[in-house]
Structure formats: structure tokens, C-alpha cells
């Protein structure tokens, strides 16, 4: 299964706030890059793009020398309209806050920092980053045991690949693409064999073999007389 690495850019000119935020960011994210003002932050971001190192989250103070946080964010936004941001400030500047609305700002920290609030928001931000990465890679979390990659057509039980036959993979793919909806047997057979005349017994054999490989936590539900679904 794919393992995702997360990278954060922190732009903060105050040494105490920078050290505190860096410490807590390092407890949640895999890599933290530091900049001491907006100009440096923008240059760091541009270098990361050139090196094809995606920055998943930008956390910045507003009031900084050389270039303030909002100016930095606006410049970054031009480079990546989907970039996620968190803003830090000594006070809530309503003008600055209104400017940030058009950007993808996940939250707003007010100094002095409340560590509980900081940790809660950073964990939430990381979860959003990971969900985006999963979607980009075509990964579907079926339950807490199984994940499926709709691009590679591979099923994983935790970190172990579940070996499926071609027909079993096709059947699972149909269910994933129609998740939460019942796929009736006739539609299933038509999709699998392009032929509605395929024997029901042949279809049931495929489904039984597929479900037998999901014994840890079978997620395929059979509705008698209706069909199959994944809830």
C-alpha cells in the first residue's frame, strides 16, 4: 500500500513562536521547512516546486518583514490554487481575514498560542492533506482493514496485497464504482462477460471466491434476489 509523506512550510519571524510551532509541527508532519519572513517563504516554496517536492501545508504569520504573510500566500496561490494554508497572527485583522477568504485557508491561530487549539487544527489539516493524497492516487478506504486503488486495480489488506483473479478484480471494481448501490445480477453478468446468458452458477462461483478472500472483514453484502453492494 502507498505510504504518504507530508511536508509543511512554516514562515514566522518571531523566534519563540517559530520554535513552538516547529516543535508541534514536527510531531505531526514528516518534514517541516522553516522561513523567517514572507520573502524567504516564497523563495523556499518556488525552490520546492523546481525540485518537484510538494508542500502540503503552508503555515504563516501575517506581520513579517520584507513581505507579509498575506502577500506571500497570494503569490503562492498564483503558483498553486489548491495550496492549503493556516494563518498565525497576534490579533484578528478583519481586512487580512477577508483577503484570506478567497485562498484555501484551513484555520487561523491567534497569539499567544493555545497549544490544544494548535494541535487540534494541525491534526485536522494533516487528515485533509492525507485524504487529498489518497484521492489523487485513486485510493478508496473500504473499511479499517481494506483499501482499493482504482487506478492500479489492487486490493490491500492492511499492507498486504490480496491476490485476485481477473474476474474477481473486475467484480470488485464494479462494486467500488457503484458503492452504496445494489448491483443486480444481470447487470453484473453483462459487465463481467458482456453477455447476459452467462450461467448464474458461474457468476456465483466468482463472487464466492472473491468473498472467501475477504474473511478478515468481508465488506461485500449479498441481498437475496437483488444483488450485491458495498456499503
C-alpha atoms as a PDB file:
ATOM      1  CA  UNK A   1       0.000   0.000   0.000  1.00  0.00           C
ATOM      2  CA  UNK A   2       1.208   3.515  -0.681  1.00  0.00           C
ATOM      3  CA  UNK A   3       2.696   5.373   2.270  1.00  0.00           C
ATOM      4  CA  UNK A   4       2.372   9.151   2.132  1.00  0.00           C
ATOM      5  CA  UNK A   5       4.961  11.660   3.298  1.00  0.00           C
ATOM      6  CA  UNK A   6       3.779  15.101   4.418  1.00  0.00           C
ATOM      7  CA  UNK A   7       5.698  18.378   4.092  1.00  0.00           C
ATOM      8  CA  UNK A   8       4.973  21.760   5.724  1.00  0.00           C
ATOM      9  CA  UNK A   9       6.378  25.247   5.194  1.00  0.00           C
ATOM     10  CA  UNK A  10       6.399  27.463   8.311  1.00  0.00           C
ATOM     11  CA  UNK A  11       7.006  31.210   7.801  1.00  0.00           C
ATOM     12  CA  UNK A  12       7.344  33.031  11.139  1.00  0.00           C
ATOM     13  CA  UNK A  13       9.634  35.910  12.084  1.00  0.00           C
ATOM     14  CA  UNK A  14       9.239  35.664  15.884  1.00  0.00           C
ATOM     15  CA  UNK A  15      11.781  33.170  17.232  1.00  0.00           C
ATOM     16  CA  UNK A  16       9.689  31.952  20.209  1.00  0.00           C
ATOM     17  CA  UNK A  17       6.535  31.352  18.157  1.00  0.00           C
ATOM     18  CA  UNK A  18       8.652  29.768  15.409  1.00  0.00           C
ATOM     19  CA  UNK A  19      10.275  27.310  17.820  1.00  0.00           C
ATOM     20  CA  UNK A  20       6.937  26.365  19.399  1.00  0.00           C
ATOM     21  CA  UNK A  21       5.203  25.834  16.066  1.00  0.00           C
ATOM     22  CA  UNK A  22       8.166  23.957  14.606  1.00  0.00           C
ATOM     23  CA  UNK A  23       8.171  21.582  17.585  1.00  0.00           C
ATOM     24  CA  UNK A  24       4.484  20.736  17.292  1.00  0.00           C
ATOM     25  CA  UNK A  25       4.544  20.546  13.501  1.00  0.00           C
ATOM     26  CA  UNK A  26       7.368  18.000  13.751  1.00  0.00           C
ATOM     27  CA  UNK A  27       5.216  15.790  15.991  1.00  0.00           C
ATOM     28  CA  UNK A  28       2.550  15.547  13.266  1.00  0.00           C
ATOM     29  CA  UNK A  29       4.166  16.062   9.856  1.00  0.00           C
ATOM     30  CA  UNK A  30       7.135  14.256   8.323  1.00  0.00           C
ATOM     31  CA  UNK A  31       9.098  17.304   7.180  1.00  0.00           C
ATOM     32  CA  UNK A  32       8.986  20.941   8.324  1.00  0.00           C
ATOM     33  CA  UNK A  33      10.731  23.665   6.293  1.00  0.00           C
ATOM     34  CA  UNK A  34      11.409  26.979   8.062  1.00  0.00           C
ATOM     35  CA  UNK A  35      11.386  30.532   6.681  1.00  0.00           C
ATOM     36  CA  UNK A  36      11.860  33.691   8.774  1.00  0.00           C
ATOM     37  CA  UNK A  37       9.819  36.070   6.614  1.00  0.00           C
ATOM     38  CA  UNK A  38       7.436  36.091   3.661  1.00  0.00           C
ATOM     39  CA  UNK A  39      10.097  36.713   1.034  1.00  0.00           C
ATOM     40  CA  UNK A  40      12.142  33.755   2.222  1.00  0.00           C
ATOM     41  CA  UNK A  41       8.989  31.644   2.442  1.00  0.00           C
ATOM     42  CA  UNK A  42       8.075  32.399  -1.174  1.00  0.00           C
ATOM     43  CA  UNK A  43      11.594  31.561  -2.367  1.00  0.00           C
ATOM     44  CA  UNK A  44      11.560  28.291  -0.425  1.00  0.00           C
ATOM     45  CA  UNK A  45       8.200  27.425  -1.997  1.00  0.00           C
ATOM     46  CA  UNK A  46       9.474  28.167  -5.524  1.00  0.00           C
ATOM     47  CA  UNK A  47      12.572  26.014  -4.954  1.00  0.00           C
ATOM     48  CA  UNK A  48      10.382  23.155  -3.729  1.00  0.00           C
ATOM     49  CA  UNK A  49       8.329  23.344  -6.947  1.00  0.00           C
ATOM     50  CA  UNK A  50      11.504  23.202  -9.059  1.00  0.00           C
ATOM     51  CA  UNK A  51      12.650  20.128  -7.139  1.00  0.00           C
ATOM     52  CA  UNK A  52       9.186  18.562  -7.505  1.00  0.00           C
ATOM     53  CA  UNK A  53       8.808  18.474  -3.706  1.00  0.00           C
ATOM     54  CA  UNK A  54       5.175  19.210  -2.970  1.00  0.00           C
ATOM     55  CA  UNK A  55       4.479  21.349   0.097  1.00  0.00           C
ATOM     56  CA  UNK A  56       1.203  20.108   1.552  1.00  0.00           C
ATOM     57  CA  UNK A  57       0.555  22.917   4.031  1.00  0.00           C
ATOM     58  CA  UNK A  58       1.820  26.489   4.456  1.00  0.00           C
ATOM     59  CA  UNK A  59       1.579  27.961   7.938  1.00  0.00           C
ATOM     60  CA  UNK A  60       2.421  31.662   8.154  1.00  0.00           C
ATOM     61  CA  UNK A  61       2.374  34.707  10.382  1.00  0.00           C
ATOM     62  CA  UNK A  62       0.776  37.819   8.873  1.00  0.00           C
ATOM     63  CA  UNK A  63       3.025  40.619  10.151  1.00  0.00           C
ATOM     64  CA  UNK A  64       6.545  39.866   8.883  1.00  0.00           C
ATOM     65  CA  UNK A  65       9.392  41.943   7.387  1.00  0.00           C
ATOM     66  CA  UNK A  66      10.210  42.073   3.661  1.00  0.00           C
ATOM     67  CA  UNK A  67       6.882  40.507   2.666  1.00  0.00           C
ATOM     68  CA  UNK A  68       3.861  39.953   4.917  1.00  0.00           C
ATOM     69  CA  UNK A  69       2.064  36.634   5.196  1.00  0.00           C
ATOM     70  CA  UNK A  70      -0.931  37.513   3.048  1.00  0.00           C
ATOM     71  CA  UNK A  71       1.289  38.791   0.228  1.00  0.00           C
ATOM     72  CA  UNK A  72       3.258  35.555   0.410  1.00  0.00           C
ATOM     73  CA  UNK A  73       0.063  33.490   0.323  1.00  0.00           C
ATOM     74  CA  UNK A  74      -1.294  35.429  -2.640  1.00  0.00           C
ATOM     75  CA  UNK A  75       1.923  34.783  -4.554  1.00  0.00           C
ATOM     76  CA  UNK A  76       1.871  31.101  -3.627  1.00  0.00           C
ATOM     77  CA  UNK A  77      -1.792  30.931  -4.636  1.00  0.00           C
ATOM     78  CA  UNK A  78      -0.808  32.062  -8.138  1.00  0.00           C
ATOM     79  CA  UNK A  79       1.584  29.114  -8.313  1.00  0.00           C
ATOM     80  CA  UNK A  80      -0.849  26.590  -6.828  1.00  0.00           C
ATOM     81  CA  UNK A  81      -4.532  27.421  -6.477  1.00  0.00           C
ATOM     82  CA  UNK A  82      -5.118  24.290  -4.366  1.00  0.00           C
ATOM     83  CA  UNK A  83      -2.474  25.053  -1.749  1.00  0.00           C
ATOM     84  CA  UNK A  84      -3.682  24.723   1.860  1.00  0.00           C
ATOM     85  CA  UNK A  85      -2.842  27.456   4.381  1.00  0.00           C
ATOM     86  CA  UNK A  86      -3.058  28.187   8.102  1.00  0.00           C
ATOM     87  CA  UNK A  87      -2.608  31.796   9.271  1.00  0.00           C
ATOM     88  CA  UNK A  88      -0.983  32.932  12.535  1.00  0.00           C
ATOM     89  CA  UNK A  89      -1.416  36.446  13.926  1.00  0.00           C
ATOM     90  CA  UNK A  90      -1.139  38.444  17.142  1.00  0.00           C
ATOM     91  CA  UNK A  91      -4.690  39.657  16.531  1.00  0.00           C
ATOM     92  CA  UNK A  92      -7.561  39.098  14.137  1.00  0.00           C
ATOM     93  CA  UNK A  93      -7.112  41.641  11.391  1.00  0.00           C
ATOM     94  CA  UNK A  94     -10.520  41.646   9.674  1.00  0.00           C
ATOM     95  CA  UNK A  95      -9.129  43.146   6.466  1.00  0.00           C
ATOM     96  CA  UNK A  96      -6.463  40.482   6.253  1.00  0.00           C
ATOM     97  CA  UNK A  97      -9.016  37.814   7.137  1.00  0.00           C
ATOM     98  CA  UNK A  98     -11.311  38.928   4.320  1.00  0.00           C
ATOM     99  CA  UNK A  99      -8.392  38.773   1.885  1.00  0.00           C
ATOM    100  CA  UNK A 100      -7.692  35.222   3.001  1.00  0.00           C
ATOM    101  CA  UNK A 101     -11.235  34.016   2.259  1.00  0.00           C
ATOM    102  CA  UNK A 102     -10.507  33.540  -1.462  1.00  0.00           C
ATOM    103  CA  UNK A 103      -7.480  31.426  -0.514  1.00  0.00           C
ATOM    104  CA  UNK A 104      -7.680  27.863   0.777  1.00  0.00           C
ATOM    105  CA  UNK A 105      -7.223  28.831   4.432  1.00  0.00           C
ATOM    106  CA  UNK A 106      -7.957  25.979   6.845  1.00  0.00           C
ATOM    107  CA  UNK A 107      -7.680  27.964  10.067  1.00  0.00           C
ATOM    108  CA  UNK A 108      -6.466  30.993  11.973  1.00  0.00           C
ATOM    109  CA  UNK A 109      -4.197  30.851  15.073  1.00  0.00           C
ATOM    110  CA  UNK A 110      -4.231  33.839  17.430  1.00  0.00           C
ATOM    111  CA  UNK A 111      -1.183  34.622  19.582  1.00  0.00           C
ATOM    112  CA  UNK A 112      -0.472  33.814  22.339  1.00  0.00           C
ATOM    113  CA  UNK A 113      -0.833  30.286  21.004  1.00  0.00           C
ATOM    114  CA  UNK A 114      -3.224  27.865  22.669  1.00  0.00           C
ATOM    115  CA  UNK A 115      -1.457  24.522  22.253  1.00  0.00           C
ATOM    116  CA  UNK A 116      -4.651  22.455  22.441  1.00  0.00           C
ATOM    117  CA  UNK A 117      -6.173  24.506  19.620  1.00  0.00           C
ATOM    118  CA  UNK A 118      -2.947  24.357  17.635  1.00  0.00           C
ATOM    119  CA  UNK A 119      -2.710  20.562  17.891  1.00  0.00           C
ATOM    120  CA  UNK A 120      -6.394  20.062  17.058  1.00  0.00           C
ATOM    121  CA  UNK A 121      -6.139  22.178  13.910  1.00  0.00           C
ATOM    122  CA  UNK A 122      -2.825  20.666  12.798  1.00  0.00           C
ATOM    123  CA  UNK A 123      -4.196  17.127  13.133  1.00  0.00           C
ATOM    124  CA  UNK A 124      -7.292  18.152  11.170  1.00  0.00           C
ATOM    125  CA  UNK A 125      -5.089  19.746   8.494  1.00  0.00           C
ATOM    126  CA  UNK A 126      -2.945  16.610   8.188  1.00  0.00           C
ATOM    127  CA  UNK A 127      -6.052  14.461   7.801  1.00  0.00           C
ATOM    128  CA  UNK A 128      -7.246  16.706   4.966  1.00  0.00           C
ATOM    129  CA  UNK A 129      -3.816  16.515   3.327  1.00  0.00           C
ATOM    130  CA  UNK A 130      -3.815  12.709   3.518  1.00  0.00           C
ATOM    131  CA  UNK A 131      -7.350  12.486   2.134  1.00  0.00           C
ATOM    132  CA  UNK A 132      -6.295  14.630  -0.834  1.00  0.00           C
ATOM    133  CA  UNK A 133      -3.274  12.408  -1.437  1.00  0.00           C
ATOM    134  CA  UNK A 134      -5.449   9.299  -1.367  1.00  0.00           C
ATOM    135  CA  UNK A 135      -7.887  10.807  -3.853  1.00  0.00           C
ATOM    136  CA  UNK A 136      -5.030  11.865  -6.127  1.00  0.00           C
ATOM    137  CA  UNK A 137      -3.689   8.307  -6.078  1.00  0.00           C
ATOM    138  CA  UNK A 138      -7.134   6.764  -6.591  1.00  0.00           C
ATOM    139  CA  UNK A 139      -7.157   5.102  -3.165  1.00  0.00           C
ATOM    140  CA  UNK A 140     -10.516   4.125  -1.653  1.00  0.00           C
ATOM    141  CA  UNK A 141     -10.706   3.182   2.019  1.00  0.00           C
ATOM    142  CA  UNK A 142     -13.304   0.416   2.101  1.00  0.00           C
ATOM    143  CA  UNK A 143     -13.072  -0.117   5.852  1.00  0.00           C
ATOM    144  CA  UNK A 144     -10.370  -0.102   8.533  1.00  0.00           C
ATOM    145  CA  UNK A 145      -8.849  -3.261   7.045  1.00  0.00           C
ATOM    146  CA  UNK A 146      -9.094  -2.973   3.261  1.00  0.00           C
ATOM    147  CA  UNK A 147      -8.133  -0.298   0.736  1.00  0.00           C
ATOM    148  CA  UNK A 148      -8.503  -0.388  -3.033  1.00  0.00           C
ATOM    149  CA  UNK A 149      -6.613   1.523  -5.713  1.00  0.00           C
ATOM    150  CA  UNK A 150      -8.963   2.307  -8.586  1.00  0.00           C
ATOM    151  CA  UNK A 151      -6.023   3.134 -10.892  1.00  0.00           C
ATOM    152  CA  UNK A 152      -3.895   0.038 -10.358  1.00  0.00           C
ATOM    153  CA  UNK A 153      -6.926  -2.208  -9.561  1.00  0.00           C
ATOM    154  CA  UNK A 154      -5.157  -3.580  -6.480  1.00  0.00           C
ATOM    155  CA  UNK A 155      -6.760  -4.543  -3.164  1.00  0.00           C
ATOM    156  CA  UNK A 156      -4.783  -4.372   0.085  1.00  0.00           C
ATOM    157  CA  UNK A 157      -5.475  -5.936   3.460  1.00  0.00           C
ATOM    158  CA  UNK A 158      -3.568  -3.546   5.716  1.00  0.00           C
ATOM    159  CA  UNK A 159      -0.168  -3.540   3.961  1.00  0.00           C
ATOM    160  CA  UNK A 160      -0.565  -6.899   2.220  1.00  0.00           C
ATOM    161  CA  UNK A 161      -1.704  -7.290  -1.366  1.00  0.00           C
ATOM    162  CA  UNK A 162      -4.763  -9.517  -1.777  1.00  0.00           C
ATOM    163  CA  UNK A 163      -4.263 -11.672  -4.866  1.00  0.00           C
ATOM    164  CA  UNK A 164      -7.370 -11.640  -7.038  1.00  0.00           C
ATOM    165  CA  UNK A 165      -8.123 -13.243 -10.378  1.00  0.00           C
ATOM    166  CA  UNK A 166      -9.024 -11.061 -13.350  1.00  0.00           C
ATOM    167  CA  UNK A 167     -12.774 -11.699 -12.931  1.00  0.00           C
ATOM    168  CA  UNK A 168     -12.611 -11.185  -9.163  1.00  0.00           C
ATOM    169  CA  UNK A 169     -10.841  -7.868  -9.708  1.00  0.00           C
ATOM    170  CA  UNK A 170     -13.424  -6.806 -12.296  1.00  0.00           C
ATOM    171  CA  UNK A 171     -16.267  -7.737  -9.942  1.00  0.00           C
ATOM    172  CA  UNK A 172     -14.713  -5.758  -7.081  1.00  0.00           C
ATOM    173  CA  UNK A 173     -14.110  -2.781  -9.361  1.00  0.00           C
ATOM    174  CA  UNK A 174     -17.767  -2.746 -10.394  1.00  0.00           C
ATOM    175  CA  UNK A 175     -18.857  -2.760  -6.750  1.00  0.00           C
ATOM    176  CA  UNK A 176     -16.405   0.007  -5.803  1.00  0.00           C
ATOM    177  CA  UNK A 177     -17.538   2.234  -8.673  1.00  0.00           C
ATOM    178  CA  UNK A 178     -21.172   1.667  -7.641  1.00  0.00           C
ATOM    179  CA  UNK A 179     -20.534   1.889  -3.911  1.00  0.00           C
ATOM    180  CA  UNK A 180     -23.636   2.074  -1.696  1.00  0.00           C
ATOM    181  CA  UNK A 181     -25.809   0.976  -4.634  1.00  0.00           C
ATOM    182  CA  UNK A 182     -27.033  -2.555  -5.264  1.00  0.00           C
ATOM    183  CA  UNK A 183     -25.671  -4.066  -8.478  1.00  0.00           C
ATOM    184  CA  UNK A 184     -28.182  -6.613  -9.700  1.00  0.00           C
ATOM    185  CA  UNK A 185     -27.004  -9.967 -11.013  1.00  0.00           C
ATOM    186  CA  UNK A 186     -27.969  -9.390 -14.635  1.00  0.00           C
ATOM    187  CA  UNK A 187     -26.123  -6.079 -14.764  1.00  0.00           C
ATOM    188  CA  UNK A 188     -23.164  -7.722 -13.059  1.00  0.00           C
ATOM    189  CA  UNK A 189     -23.007 -10.540 -15.611  1.00  0.00           C
ATOM    190  CA  UNK A 190     -23.268  -8.129 -18.502  1.00  0.00           C
ATOM    191  CA  UNK A 191     -20.368  -6.074 -17.131  1.00  0.00           C
ATOM    192  CA  UNK A 192     -18.189  -9.109 -16.404  1.00  0.00           C
ATOM    193  CA  UNK A 193     -18.778 -11.151 -19.537  1.00  0.00           C
ATOM    194  CA  UNK A 194     -20.542  -8.727 -21.881  1.00  0.00           C
ATOM    195  CA  UNK A 195     -23.142 -11.484 -22.083  1.00  0.00           C
ATOM    196  CA  UNK A 196     -26.323 -11.802 -20.034  1.00  0.00           C
ATOM    197  CA  UNK A 197     -26.564 -15.513 -20.953  1.00  0.00           C
ATOM    198  CA  UNK A 198     -23.701 -16.461 -18.633  1.00  0.00           C
ATOM    199  CA  UNK A 199     -24.873 -19.043 -16.127  1.00  0.00           C
ATOM    200  CA  UNK A 200     -25.815 -17.785 -12.659  1.00  0.00           C
ATOM    201  CA  UNK A 201     -23.704 -20.613 -11.221  1.00  0.00           C
ATOM    202  CA  UNK A 202     -20.608 -19.246 -12.984  1.00  0.00           C
ATOM    203  CA  UNK A 203     -21.271 -15.781 -11.589  1.00  0.00           C
ATOM    204  CA  UNK A 204     -21.882 -17.110  -8.066  1.00  0.00           C
ATOM    205  CA  UNK A 205     -18.582 -19.010  -8.206  1.00  0.00           C
ATOM    206  CA  UNK A 206     -16.710 -15.785  -8.974  1.00  0.00           C
ATOM    207  CA  UNK A 207     -18.435 -13.952  -6.128  1.00  0.00           C
ATOM    208  CA  UNK A 208     -17.863 -16.797  -3.650  1.00  0.00           C
ATOM    209  CA  UNK A 209     -14.143 -16.910  -4.459  1.00  0.00           C
ATOM    210  CA  UNK A 210     -13.911 -13.135  -4.075  1.00  0.00           C
ATOM    211  CA  UNK A 211     -15.734 -13.131  -0.739  1.00  0.00           C
ATOM    212  CA  UNK A 212     -13.618 -16.066   0.508  1.00  0.00           C
ATOM    213  CA  UNK A 213     -10.565 -13.800   0.151  1.00  0.00           C
ATOM    214  CA  UNK A 214     -12.155 -11.173   2.422  1.00  0.00           C
ATOM    215  CA  UNK A 215     -12.546 -13.347   5.511  1.00  0.00           C
ATOM    216  CA  UNK A 216     -10.846 -10.869   7.848  1.00  0.00           C
ATOM    217  CA  UNK A 217     -13.713  -8.415   7.379  1.00  0.00           C
ATOM    218  CA  UNK A 218     -15.969  -9.213   4.426  1.00  0.00           C
ATOM    219  CA  UNK A 219     -17.374  -5.945   3.084  1.00  0.00           C
ATOM    220  CA  UNK A 220     -19.439  -7.310   0.200  1.00  0.00           C
ATOM    221  CA  UNK A 221     -23.110  -7.612   1.136  1.00  0.00           C
ATOM    222  CA  UNK A 222     -25.363 -10.066  -0.683  1.00  0.00           C
ATOM    223  CA  UNK A 223     -29.025  -9.115  -0.941  1.00  0.00           C
ATOM    224  CA  UNK A 224     -31.043 -12.186  -1.842  1.00  0.00           C
ATOM    225  CA  UNK A 225     -32.988 -11.725  -5.056  1.00  0.00           C
ATOM    226  CA  UNK A 226     -31.479  -8.270  -5.587  1.00  0.00           C
ATOM    227  CA  UNK A 227     -27.708  -8.376  -5.996  1.00  0.00           C
ATOM    228  CA  UNK A 228     -24.556  -7.203  -4.238  1.00  0.00           C
ATOM    229  CA  UNK A 229     -23.231  -3.968  -2.777  1.00  0.00           C
ATOM    230  CA  UNK A 230     -20.519  -2.373  -0.687  1.00  0.00           C
ATOM    231  CA  UNK A 231     -21.988  -0.015   1.912  1.00  0.00           C
END
